[in-house]
Amino acid sequence: MPKIFNTSWIAVIVATVAFFMFGWLWYGMLFEEAWLAAEGITQEIAETRMADTGMGQWLFFALLITFGQAVGLLMVLHLAGAKRIATCLTYAFWLVVTIVGPVLAYQCVYSGYSLSGFLLDFGHMLIGYLIMAAIYAAFRGRTAN
């Protein structure tokens, strides 16, 4: 089986799909109204934007972005030698807190994005990265000492 960073490609695919589906649950089911309010749009505007972009194009780029994050997290875990669940979760947590969070905060400082929007996005990223880290630990931990 082909590998990337000493991990099965299946793990990367599973992590990508899990993070993507978690995003759908987070923004589409749990916090849809809060997200729309944070964006300052209505459901109709969101649907119009989706229609203007096209579902195929949106899905392609959404999965590509998610895949990039999944590979990036795996690269960090690999370089850190993280294989066990606690170690993988710890690295994912600190990656989000020290890199992803501050990058998201730029939107608030320079683009006027709301604090509630930042908190929604930060929560999504934190939990999503922890989900991916747990998946990677399940695949990588098989060879842990």
C-alpha atoms as a PDB file:
ATOM      1  CA  MET A   1       0.000   0.000   0.000  1.00  0.00           C
ATOM      2  CA  PRO A   2       1.442   3.415  -0.971  1.00  0.00           C
ATOM      3  CA  LYS A   3       2.290   5.720   1.907  1.00  0.00           C
ATOM      4  CA  ILE A   4       2.820   9.386   2.618  1.00  0.00           C
ATOM      5  CA  PHE A   5       4.914  10.358   5.638  1.00  0.00           C
ATOM      6  CA  ASN A   6       5.000   6.671   6.652  1.00  0.00           C
ATOM      7  CA  THR A   7       1.205   6.616   6.806  1.00  0.00           C
ATOM      8  CA  SER A   8      -1.310   4.921   4.531  1.00  0.00           C
ATOM      9  CA  TRP A   9      -3.034   7.097   1.952  1.00  0.00           C
ATOM     10  CA  ILE A  10      -6.245   5.556   3.263  1.00  0.00           C
ATOM     11  CA  ALA A  11      -5.673   7.444   6.527  1.00  0.00           C
ATOM     12  CA  VAL A  12      -5.344  10.712   4.599  1.00  0.00           C
ATOM     13  CA  ILE A  13      -8.553  10.040   2.691  1.00  0.00           C
ATOM     14  CA  VAL A  14     -10.417   9.065   5.876  1.00  0.00           C
ATOM     15  CA  ALA A  15      -9.106  12.159   7.695  1.00  0.00           C
ATOM     16  CA  THR A  16     -10.061  14.426   4.784  1.00  0.00           C
ATOM     17  CA  VAL A  17     -13.584  13.044   4.538  1.00  0.00           C
ATOM     18  CA  ALA A  18     -14.059  13.100   8.324  1.00  0.00           C
ATOM     19  CA  PHE A  19     -12.952  16.746   8.582  1.00  0.00           C
ATOM     20  CA  PHE A  20     -15.112  17.708   5.605  1.00  0.00           C
ATOM     21  CA  MET A  21     -18.179  15.957   7.028  1.00  0.00           C
ATOM     22  CA  PHE A  22     -17.550  17.496  10.436  1.00  0.00           C
ATOM     23  CA  GLY A  23     -17.571  20.926   8.753  1.00  0.00           C
ATOM     24  CA  TRP A  24     -20.927  20.122   7.169  1.00  0.00           C
ATOM     25  CA  LEU A  25     -22.290  19.122  10.573  1.00  0.00           C
ATOM     26  CA  TRP A  26     -20.734  22.154  12.334  1.00  0.00           C
ATOM     27  CA  TYR A  27     -21.812  24.858   9.896  1.00  0.00           C
ATOM     28  CA  GLY A  28     -24.838  23.191   8.333  1.00  0.00           C
ATOM     29  CA  MET A  29     -26.564  21.544  11.266  1.00  0.00           C
ATOM     30  CA  LEU A  30     -25.254  22.738  14.627  1.00  0.00           C
ATOM     31  CA  PHE A  31     -24.398  26.397  14.033  1.00  0.00           C
ATOM     32  CA  GLU A  32     -26.024  27.361  10.745  1.00  0.00           C
ATOM     33  CA  GLU A  33     -27.946  30.324  12.159  1.00  0.00           C
ATOM     34  CA  ALA A  34     -24.944  31.579  14.133  1.00  0.00           C
ATOM     35  CA  TRP A  35     -22.723  31.253  11.056  1.00  0.00           C
ATOM     36  CA  LEU A  36     -25.193  33.134   8.844  1.00  0.00           C
ATOM     37  CA  ALA A  37     -25.411  35.904  11.464  1.00  0.00           C
ATOM     38  CA  ALA A  38     -21.605  36.055  11.761  1.00  0.00           C
ATOM     39  CA  GLU A  39     -21.342  36.356   7.978  1.00  0.00           C
ATOM     40  CA  GLY A  40     -24.123  38.955   7.940  1.00  0.00           C
ATOM     41  CA  ILE A  41     -26.098  37.049   5.315  1.00  0.00           C
ATOM     42  CA  THR A  42     -29.415  35.261   4.989  1.00  0.00           C
ATOM     43  CA  GLN A  43     -30.029  31.674   3.926  1.00  0.00           C
ATOM     44  CA  GLU A  44     -31.163  32.990   0.536  1.00  0.00           C
ATOM     45  CA  ILE A  45     -27.894  34.882   0.013  1.00  0.00           C
ATOM     46  CA  ALA A  46     -25.891  31.787   0.992  1.00  0.00           C
ATOM     47  CA  GLU A  47     -27.868  29.682  -1.488  1.00  0.00           C
ATOM     48  CA  THR A  48     -27.381  32.290  -4.232  1.00  0.00           C
ATOM     49  CA  ARG A  49     -23.626  32.328  -3.617  1.00  0.00           C
ATOM     50  CA  MET A  50     -23.559  28.534  -3.823  1.00  0.00           C
ATOM     51  CA  ALA A  51     -25.564  28.573  -7.051  1.00  0.00           C
ATOM     52  CA  ASP A  52     -23.314  31.266  -8.551  1.00  0.00           C
ATOM     53  CA  THR A  53     -20.190  29.258  -7.717  1.00  0.00           C
ATOM     54  CA  GLY A  54     -21.666  25.945  -8.782  1.00  0.00           C
ATOM     55  CA  MET A  55     -21.836  22.877  -6.588  1.00  0.00           C
ATOM     56  CA  GLY A  56     -19.138  21.022  -8.511  1.00  0.00           C
ATOM     57  CA  GLN A  57     -16.627  23.846  -8.303  1.00  0.00           C
ATOM     58  CA  TRP A  58     -17.441  24.498  -4.633  1.00  0.00           C
ATOM     59  CA  LEU A  59     -17.106  20.817  -3.752  1.00  0.00           C
ATOM     60  CA  PHE A  60     -13.813  20.488  -5.620  1.00  0.00           C
ATOM     61  CA  PHE A  61     -12.187  23.442  -3.852  1.00  0.00           C
ATOM     62  CA  ALA A  62     -13.698  22.604  -0.459  1.00  0.00           C
ATOM     63  CA  LEU A  63     -12.259  19.083  -0.638  1.00  0.00           C
ATOM     64  CA  LEU A  64      -8.933  20.332  -1.992  1.00  0.00           C
ATOM     65  CA  ILE A  65      -8.559  22.792   0.908  1.00  0.00           C
ATOM     66  CA  THR A  66      -9.532  20.092   3.410  1.00  0.00           C
ATOM     67  CA  PHE A  67      -7.116  17.629   1.815  1.00  0.00           C
ATOM     68  CA  GLY A  68      -4.308  20.201   2.036  1.00  0.00           C
ATOM     69  CA  GLN A  69      -4.938  20.651   5.739  1.00  0.00           C
ATOM     70  CA  ALA A  70      -5.066  16.883   6.263  1.00  0.00           C
ATOM     71  CA  VAL A  71      -1.692  16.425   4.543  1.00  0.00           C
ATOM     72  CA  GLY A  72      -0.226  19.398   6.423  1.00  0.00           C
ATOM     73  CA  LEU A  73      -1.258  18.030   9.799  1.00  0.00           C
ATOM     74  CA  LEU A  74       0.115  14.613   8.876  1.00  0.00           C
ATOM     75  CA  MET A  75       3.430  16.207   7.867  1.00  0.00           C
ATOM     76  CA  VAL A  76       3.694  17.934  11.269  1.00  0.00           C
ATOM     77  CA  LEU A  77       2.856  14.699  13.098  1.00  0.00           C
ATOM     78  CA  HIS A  78       5.410  12.811  11.022  1.00  0.00           C
ATOM     79  CA  LEU A  79       8.167  15.364  11.600  1.00  0.00           C
ATOM     80  CA  ALA A  80       7.383  15.301  15.332  1.00  0.00           C
ATOM     81  CA  GLY A  81       7.450  11.495  15.393  1.00  0.00           C
ATOM     82  CA  ALA A  82       3.918  11.480  16.831  1.00  0.00           C
ATOM     83  CA  LYS A  83       2.137   8.135  16.652  1.00  0.00           C
ATOM     84  CA  ARG A  84       0.214   7.656  19.880  1.00  0.00           C
ATOM     85  CA  ILE A  85      -3.180   9.267  20.405  1.00  0.00           C
ATOM     86  CA  ALA A  86      -2.154  11.643  23.211  1.00  0.00           C
ATOM     87  CA  THR A  87       0.877  12.897  21.307  1.00  0.00           C
ATOM     88  CA  CYS A  88      -1.031  13.349  18.049  1.00  0.00           C
ATOM     89  CA  LEU A  89      -3.829  15.227  19.824  1.00  0.00           C
ATOM     90  CA  THR A  90      -1.336  17.448  21.650  1.00  0.00           C
ATOM     91  CA  TYR A  91       0.440  18.442  18.437  1.00  0.00           C
ATOM     92  CA  ALA A  92      -2.864  19.086  16.657  1.00  0.00           C
ATOM     93  CA  PHE A  93      -4.091  21.232  19.557  1.00  0.00           C
ATOM     94  CA  TRP A  94      -0.971  23.402  19.622  1.00  0.00           C
ATOM     95  CA  LEU A  95      -0.899  23.680  15.832  1.00  0.00           C
ATOM     96  CA  VAL A  96      -4.399  25.146  15.887  1.00  0.00           C
ATOM     97  CA  VAL A  97      -3.738  27.404  18.880  1.00  0.00           C
ATOM     98  CA  THR A  98      -0.422  28.804  17.615  1.00  0.00           C
ATOM     99  CA  ILE A  99      -0.840  28.819  13.819  1.00  0.00           C
ATOM    100  CA  VAL A 100      -4.413  28.307  12.641  1.00  0.00           C
ATOM    101  CA  GLY A 101      -6.024  30.532  15.291  1.00  0.00           C
ATOM    102  CA  PRO A 102      -3.784  33.522  14.674  1.00  0.00           C
ATOM    103  CA  VAL A 103      -4.273  33.182  10.903  1.00  0.00           C
ATOM    104  CA  LEU A 104      -8.045  33.174  11.435  1.00  0.00           C
ATOM    105  CA  ALA A 105      -7.690  36.216  13.712  1.00  0.00           C
ATOM    106  CA  TYR A 106      -6.320  38.230  10.780  1.00  0.00           C
ATOM    107  CA  GLN A 107      -9.873  38.284   9.410  1.00  0.00           C
ATOM    108  CA  CYS A 108     -11.079  40.022  12.564  1.00  0.00           C
ATOM    109  CA  VAL A 109      -8.266  42.529  12.744  1.00  0.00           C
ATOM    110  CA  TYR A 110      -7.920  43.453   9.080  1.00  0.00           C
ATOM    111  CA  SER A 111     -11.203  42.510   7.406  1.00  0.00           C
ATOM    112  CA  GLY A 112     -13.787  43.280  10.054  1.00  0.00           C
ATOM    113  CA  TYR A 113     -14.859  39.682  10.564  1.00  0.00           C
ATOM    114  CA  SER A 114     -16.906  39.296  13.733  1.00  0.00           C
ATOM    115  CA  LEU A 115     -15.656  37.742  16.946  1.00  0.00           C
ATOM    116  CA  SER A 116     -18.522  35.251  16.807  1.00  0.00           C
ATOM    117  CA  GLY A 117     -17.424  34.225  13.307  1.00  0.00           C
ATOM    118  CA  PHE A 118     -13.861  33.798  14.517  1.00  0.00           C
ATOM    119  CA  LEU A 119     -15.002  31.648  17.448  1.00  0.00           C
ATOM    120  CA  LEU A 120     -17.147  29.472  15.167  1.00  0.00           C
ATOM    121  CA  ASP A 121     -14.269  28.973  12.736  1.00  0.00           C
ATOM    122  CA  PHE A 122     -11.755  28.385  15.542  1.00  0.00           C
ATOM    123  CA  GLY A 123     -14.008  25.762  17.145  1.00  0.00           C
ATOM    124  CA  HIS A 124     -14.441  24.039  13.795  1.00  0.00           C
ATOM    125  CA  MET A 125     -10.716  23.973  13.151  1.00  0.00           C
ATOM    126  CA  LEU A 126      -9.796  22.837  16.654  1.00  0.00           C
ATOM    127  CA  ILE A 127     -12.235  19.952  16.777  1.00  0.00           C
ATOM    128  CA  GLY A 128     -11.611  19.075  13.120  1.00  0.00           C
ATOM    129  CA  TYR A 129      -7.848  18.893  13.602  1.00  0.00           C
ATOM    130  CA  LEU A 130      -8.322  16.780  16.729  1.00  0.00           C
ATOM    131  CA  ILE A 131     -10.533  14.394  14.749  1.00  0.00           C
ATOM    132  CA  MET A 132      -7.885  14.090  12.036  1.00  0.00           C
ATOM    133  CA  ALA A 133      -5.131  13.608  14.628  1.00  0.00           C
ATOM    134  CA  ALA A 134      -7.105  10.776  16.246  1.00  0.00           C
ATOM    135  CA  ILE A 135      -7.546   9.119  12.848  1.00  0.00           C
ATOM    136  CA  TYR A 136      -3.834   9.423  12.130  1.00  0.00           C
ATOM    137  CA  ALA A 137      -2.991   7.989  15.556  1.00  0.00           C
ATOM    138  CA  ALA A 138      -5.198   5.000  14.803  1.00  0.00           C
ATOM    139  CA  PHE A 139      -3.246   4.327  11.609  1.00  0.00           C
ATOM    140  CA  ARG A 140       0.215   5.394  12.794  1.00  0.00           C
ATOM    141  CA  GLY A 141      -0.066   3.950  16.295  1.00  0.00           C
ATOM    142  CA  ARG A 142      -0.011   0.401  14.980  1.00  0.00           C
ATOM    143  CA  THR A 143       3.732   0.693  14.553  1.00  0.00           C
ATOM    144  CA  ALA A 144       4.383   2.658  17.779  1.00  0.00           C
ATOM    145  CA  ASN A 145       6.855   1.256  20.256  1.00  0.00           C
END
